[in-house]
Structures are given as C-alpha cells and as structure tokens.
Amino acid sequence: MQIMMDVAASGTMLPFGDTVLTAVLGYAVVFMGLLVLMAIVYIMGAVFKSMAARKAALAEAARNAKAMPKAANAPAAPAKEPKKPVAPGTAGEVKRFDVPDKEAAMIMAIVADQMGKPLNELRFKSIKEVK
C-alpha cells in the first residue's frame, strides 16, 4: 500500500518518498541561498568596517599633522644654554669627558669603520676615557 501525496506535472500521483525528497531538496536549496546571501553580507560588512577604520586613521593623522605646527610654534621652556646650530649631516653634540678633540674624532672614525656604517648615520652621545 503506497501513500500518494502530490500530483505530478503529468497528472499522476507521486509516492510519499518522492514528495518528502522533493520538499527536503527544496528547503535545502532555499537555505543554501540564504547562507550565500549571509556570507555576502558578512564580507561586505567586514570590507566597510576596514574602510571606515582606514578613514578614521587618516583623519586622526590629519588632525595630528595640523596640531604639530601649533605645538612647534608654542614658546619652548627656557633652556639652560642656548642650542648651537648643527652642521648638515651631523647628529648633534657629543659630550667629551677628559678626551681631546683629535682622540674623540679618531674613536668615532674607528667605531664607524668597525660597524661598516657612514659616520653621519651614527649618533655619539658622549665619549669618556676609562681610567
């Protein structure tokens, strides 16, 4: 005894198993479509979030860039001694303790040669003779 549920396109009744199989496959197709749409919406949301974060970072950088000149123009705290102008290509002043100029220059040249770097890329803060 077979249970007939639906009428096929030809006008004949379909068996119960075929009806269930057709319904399950129909639901599966609909849910797969929904999953694909959900994935597309999720990916678009991630793209828009990253674009918004990038835009916010650029806006923050622009704000910081505008604020920097204002801070540079602000009056500086009085220094103990006025800063001397630095020659182009130098890294500032070197504090020497009991070391003559000629020996300090020799030490800096030897260190630069041993490190294999140009002298203007190195920064010497102080040179002190160890006794």
C-alpha atoms as a PDB file:
ATOM      1  CA  MET A   1       0.000   0.000   0.000  1.00  0.00           C
ATOM      2  CA  GLN A   2       1.579   3.244  -1.161  1.00  0.00           C
ATOM      3  CA  ILE A   3       0.573   6.668   0.064  1.00  0.00           C
ATOM      4  CA  MET A   4       0.106   9.132  -2.773  1.00  0.00           C
ATOM      5  CA  MET A   5       0.529  12.799  -1.783  1.00  0.00           C
ATOM      6  CA  ASP A   6       1.006  15.172  -4.707  1.00  0.00           C
ATOM      7  CA  VAL A   7       0.005  15.226  -8.267  1.00  0.00           C
ATOM      8  CA  ALA A   8       2.933  15.357 -10.681  1.00  0.00           C
ATOM      9  CA  ALA A   9       3.026  17.658 -13.683  1.00  0.00           C
ATOM     10  CA  SER A  10       1.684  14.827 -15.811  1.00  0.00           C
ATOM     11  CA  GLY A  11      -1.340  14.477 -13.561  1.00  0.00           C
ATOM     12  CA  THR A  12      -0.258  11.268 -11.795  1.00  0.00           C
ATOM     13  CA  MET A  13       0.189  10.934  -8.052  1.00  0.00           C
ATOM     14  CA  LEU A  14       3.755  10.893  -6.591  1.00  0.00           C
ATOM     15  CA  PRO A  15       4.715   8.366  -3.950  1.00  0.00           C
ATOM     16  CA  PHE A  16       5.259   9.650  -0.377  1.00  0.00           C
ATOM     17  CA  GLY A  17       9.079   9.187  -0.518  1.00  0.00           C
ATOM     18  CA  ASP A  18       9.388  11.271  -3.672  1.00  0.00           C
ATOM     19  CA  THR A  19       7.255  14.010  -2.121  1.00  0.00           C
ATOM     20  CA  VAL A  20       9.426  14.137   1.015  1.00  0.00           C
ATOM     21  CA  LEU A  21      12.609  14.108  -1.080  1.00  0.00           C
ATOM     22  CA  THR A  22      11.311  16.979  -3.229  1.00  0.00           C
ATOM     23  CA  ALA A  23      10.393  19.021  -0.154  1.00  0.00           C
ATOM     24  CA  VAL A  24      13.750  18.405   1.571  1.00  0.00           C
ATOM     25  CA  LEU A  25      15.690  19.317  -1.564  1.00  0.00           C
ATOM     26  CA  GLY A  26      13.590  22.476  -1.973  1.00  0.00           C
ATOM     27  CA  TYR A  27      14.293  23.528   1.605  1.00  0.00           C
ATOM     28  CA  ALA A  28      17.989  22.731   1.142  1.00  0.00           C
ATOM     29  CA  VAL A  29      18.188  24.952  -1.937  1.00  0.00           C
ATOM     30  CA  VAL A  30      16.456  27.807  -0.117  1.00  0.00           C
ATOM     31  CA  PHE A  31      18.751  27.521   2.939  1.00  0.00           C
ATOM     32  CA  MET A  32      21.858  27.331   0.755  1.00  0.00           C
ATOM     33  CA  GLY A  33      20.730  30.526  -0.950  1.00  0.00           C
ATOM     34  CA  LEU A  34      20.236  32.163   2.435  1.00  0.00           C
ATOM     35  CA  LEU A  35      23.708  31.039   3.567  1.00  0.00           C
ATOM     36  CA  VAL A  36      25.273  32.504   0.426  1.00  0.00           C
ATOM     37  CA  LEU A  37      23.455  35.803   0.991  1.00  0.00           C
ATOM     38  CA  MET A  38      24.532  35.822   4.634  1.00  0.00           C
ATOM     39  CA  ALA A  39      28.166  35.272   3.612  1.00  0.00           C
ATOM     40  CA  ILE A  40      27.972  38.106   1.098  1.00  0.00           C
ATOM     41  CA  VAL A  41      26.511  40.485   3.708  1.00  0.00           C
ATOM     42  CA  TYR A  42      29.180  39.449   6.247  1.00  0.00           C
ATOM     43  CA  ILE A  43      32.013  40.050   3.770  1.00  0.00           C
ATOM     44  CA  MET A  44      30.592  43.425   2.743  1.00  0.00           C
ATOM     45  CA  GLY A  45      30.320  44.416   6.417  1.00  0.00           C
ATOM     46  CA  ALA A  46      33.966  43.494   7.023  1.00  0.00           C
ATOM     47  CA  VAL A  47      35.062  45.493   3.969  1.00  0.00           C
ATOM     48  CA  PHE A  48      33.114  48.553   5.054  1.00  0.00           C
ATOM     49  CA  LYS A  49      34.442  48.299   8.625  1.00  0.00           C
ATOM     50  CA  SER A  50      38.027  48.176   7.372  1.00  0.00           C
ATOM     51  CA  MET A  51      37.360  51.137   5.079  1.00  0.00           C
ATOM     52  CA  ALA A  52      35.879  53.091   7.984  1.00  0.00           C
ATOM     53  CA  ALA A  53      38.844  52.229  10.214  1.00  0.00           C
ATOM     54  CA  ARG A  54      41.283  53.317   7.484  1.00  0.00           C
ATOM     55  CA  LYS A  55      39.338  56.560   7.011  1.00  0.00           C
ATOM     56  CA  ALA A  56      39.368  57.214  10.767  1.00  0.00           C
ATOM     57  CA  ALA A  57      43.121  56.578  10.914  1.00  0.00           C
ATOM     58  CA  LEU A  58      43.700  59.031   8.059  1.00  0.00           C
ATOM     59  CA  ALA A  59      41.513  61.619   9.780  1.00  0.00           C
ATOM     60  CA  GLU A  60      43.444  61.122  13.035  1.00  0.00           C
ATOM     61  CA  ALA A  61      46.742  61.519  11.185  1.00  0.00           C
ATOM     62  CA  ALA A  62      45.456  64.699   9.559  1.00  0.00           C
ATOM     63  CA  ARG A  63      44.399  66.070  12.954  1.00  0.00           C
ATOM     64  CA  ASN A  64      47.807  65.241  14.393  1.00  0.00           C
ATOM     65  CA  ALA A  65      49.533  66.862  11.430  1.00  0.00           C
ATOM     66  CA  LYS A  66      47.514  70.035  11.952  1.00  0.00           C
ATOM     67  CA  ALA A  67      48.305  70.040  15.672  1.00  0.00           C
ATOM     68  CA  MET A  68      52.059  69.563  15.192  1.00  0.00           C
ATOM     69  CA  PRO A  69      52.804  73.044  13.762  1.00  0.00           C
ATOM     70  CA  LYS A  70      50.849  74.647  16.575  1.00  0.00           C
ATOM     71  CA  ALA A  71      52.959  72.792  19.118  1.00  0.00           C
ATOM     72  CA  ALA A  72      56.136  73.734  17.247  1.00  0.00           C
ATOM     73  CA  ASN A  73      55.168  77.424  17.287  1.00  0.00           C
ATOM     74  CA  ALA A  74      54.386  77.351  21.000  1.00  0.00           C
ATOM     75  CA  PRO A  75      57.002  79.012  23.194  1.00  0.00           C
ATOM     76  CA  ALA A  76      59.528  76.497  24.441  1.00  0.00           C
ATOM     77  CA  ALA A  77      60.590  76.247  28.053  1.00  0.00           C
ATOM     78  CA  PRO A  78      63.721  78.285  28.715  1.00  0.00           C
ATOM     79  CA  ALA A  79      66.838  76.154  28.312  1.00  0.00           C
ATOM     80  CA  LYS A  80      69.908  76.417  30.487  1.00  0.00           C
ATOM     81  CA  GLU A  81      72.087  77.226  27.500  1.00  0.00           C
ATOM     82  CA  PRO A  82      71.067  78.194  24.001  1.00  0.00           C
ATOM     83  CA  LYS A  83      71.316  75.413  21.431  1.00  0.00           C
ATOM     84  CA  LYS A  84      74.048  75.793  18.872  1.00  0.00           C
ATOM     85  CA  PRO A  85      73.171  75.303  15.214  1.00  0.00           C
ATOM     86  CA  VAL A  86      74.067  71.840  13.992  1.00  0.00           C
ATOM     87  CA  ALA A  87      76.059  71.357  10.821  1.00  0.00           C
ATOM     88  CA  PRO A  88      74.284  69.499   7.991  1.00  0.00           C
ATOM     89  CA  GLY A  89      74.778  65.729   8.174  1.00  0.00           C
ATOM     90  CA  THR A  90      75.703  65.675  11.860  1.00  0.00           C
ATOM     91  CA  ALA A  91      73.800  64.009  14.677  1.00  0.00           C
ATOM     92  CA  GLY A  92      74.214  66.731  17.268  1.00  0.00           C
ATOM     93  CA  GLU A  93      76.673  67.469  20.019  1.00  0.00           C
ATOM     94  CA  VAL A  94      78.991  64.936  21.672  1.00  0.00           C
ATOM     95  CA  LYS A  95      79.854  65.298  25.343  1.00  0.00           C
ATOM     96  CA  ARG A  96      83.518  64.545  25.945  1.00  0.00           C
ATOM     97  CA  PHE A  97      84.954  63.780  29.357  1.00  0.00           C
ATOM     98  CA  ASP A  98      88.772  64.131  29.561  1.00  0.00           C
ATOM     99  CA  VAL A  99      89.150  63.330  25.829  1.00  0.00           C
ATOM    100  CA  PRO A 100      90.774  65.790  23.398  1.00  0.00           C
ATOM    101  CA  ASP A 101      89.096  66.623  20.070  1.00  0.00           C
ATOM    102  CA  LYS A 102      91.604  64.679  17.981  1.00  0.00           C
ATOM    103  CA  GLU A 103      91.180  61.464  20.014  1.00  0.00           C
ATOM    104  CA  ALA A 104      87.355  61.778  20.001  1.00  0.00           C
ATOM    105  CA  ALA A 105      87.373  62.127  16.209  1.00  0.00           C
ATOM    106  CA  MET A 106      89.680  59.101  15.922  1.00  0.00           C
ATOM    107  CA  ILE A 107      87.422  56.990  18.182  1.00  0.00           C
ATOM    108  CA  MET A 108      84.297  57.946  16.203  1.00  0.00           C
ATOM    109  CA  ALA A 109      86.013  57.115  12.901  1.00  0.00           C
ATOM    110  CA  ILE A 110      87.203  53.719  14.216  1.00  0.00           C
ATOM    111  CA  VAL A 111      83.712  52.828  15.519  1.00  0.00           C
ATOM    112  CA  ALA A 112      82.099  53.824  12.210  1.00  0.00           C
ATOM    113  CA  ASP A 113      84.659  51.753  10.278  1.00  0.00           C
ATOM    114  CA  GLN A 114      84.206  48.691  12.519  1.00  0.00           C
ATOM    115  CA  MET A 115      80.410  48.907  12.212  1.00  0.00           C
ATOM    116  CA  GLY A 116      80.595  49.430   8.450  1.00  0.00           C
ATOM    117  CA  LYS A 117      78.313  52.478   8.579  1.00  0.00           C
ATOM    118  CA  PRO A 118      78.903  56.054   7.485  1.00  0.00           C
ATOM    119  CA  LEU A 119      79.826  58.399  10.289  1.00  0.00           C
ATOM    120  CA  ASN A 120      76.830  60.675   9.641  1.00  0.00           C
ATOM    121  CA  GLU A 121      74.424  57.770  10.335  1.00  0.00           C
ATOM    122  CA  LEU A 122      75.812  57.188  13.824  1.00  0.00           C
ATOM    123  CA  ARG A 123      74.991  59.247  16.889  1.00  0.00           C
ATOM    124  CA  PHE A 124      77.551  59.575  19.638  1.00  0.00           C
ATOM    125  CA  LYS A 125      76.163  60.942  22.894  1.00  0.00           C
ATOM    126  CA  SER A 126      79.326  61.011  24.966  1.00  0.00           C
ATOM    127  CA  ILE A 127      82.915  59.830  24.964  1.00  0.00           C
ATOM    128  CA  LYS A 128      84.630  59.176  28.279  1.00  0.00           C
ATOM    129  CA  GLU A 129      88.123  57.954  28.995  1.00  0.00           C
ATOM    130  CA  VAL A 130      88.132  54.908  31.238  1.00  0.00           C
ATOM    131  CA  LYS A 131      90.981  55.126  33.757  1.00  0.00           C
END
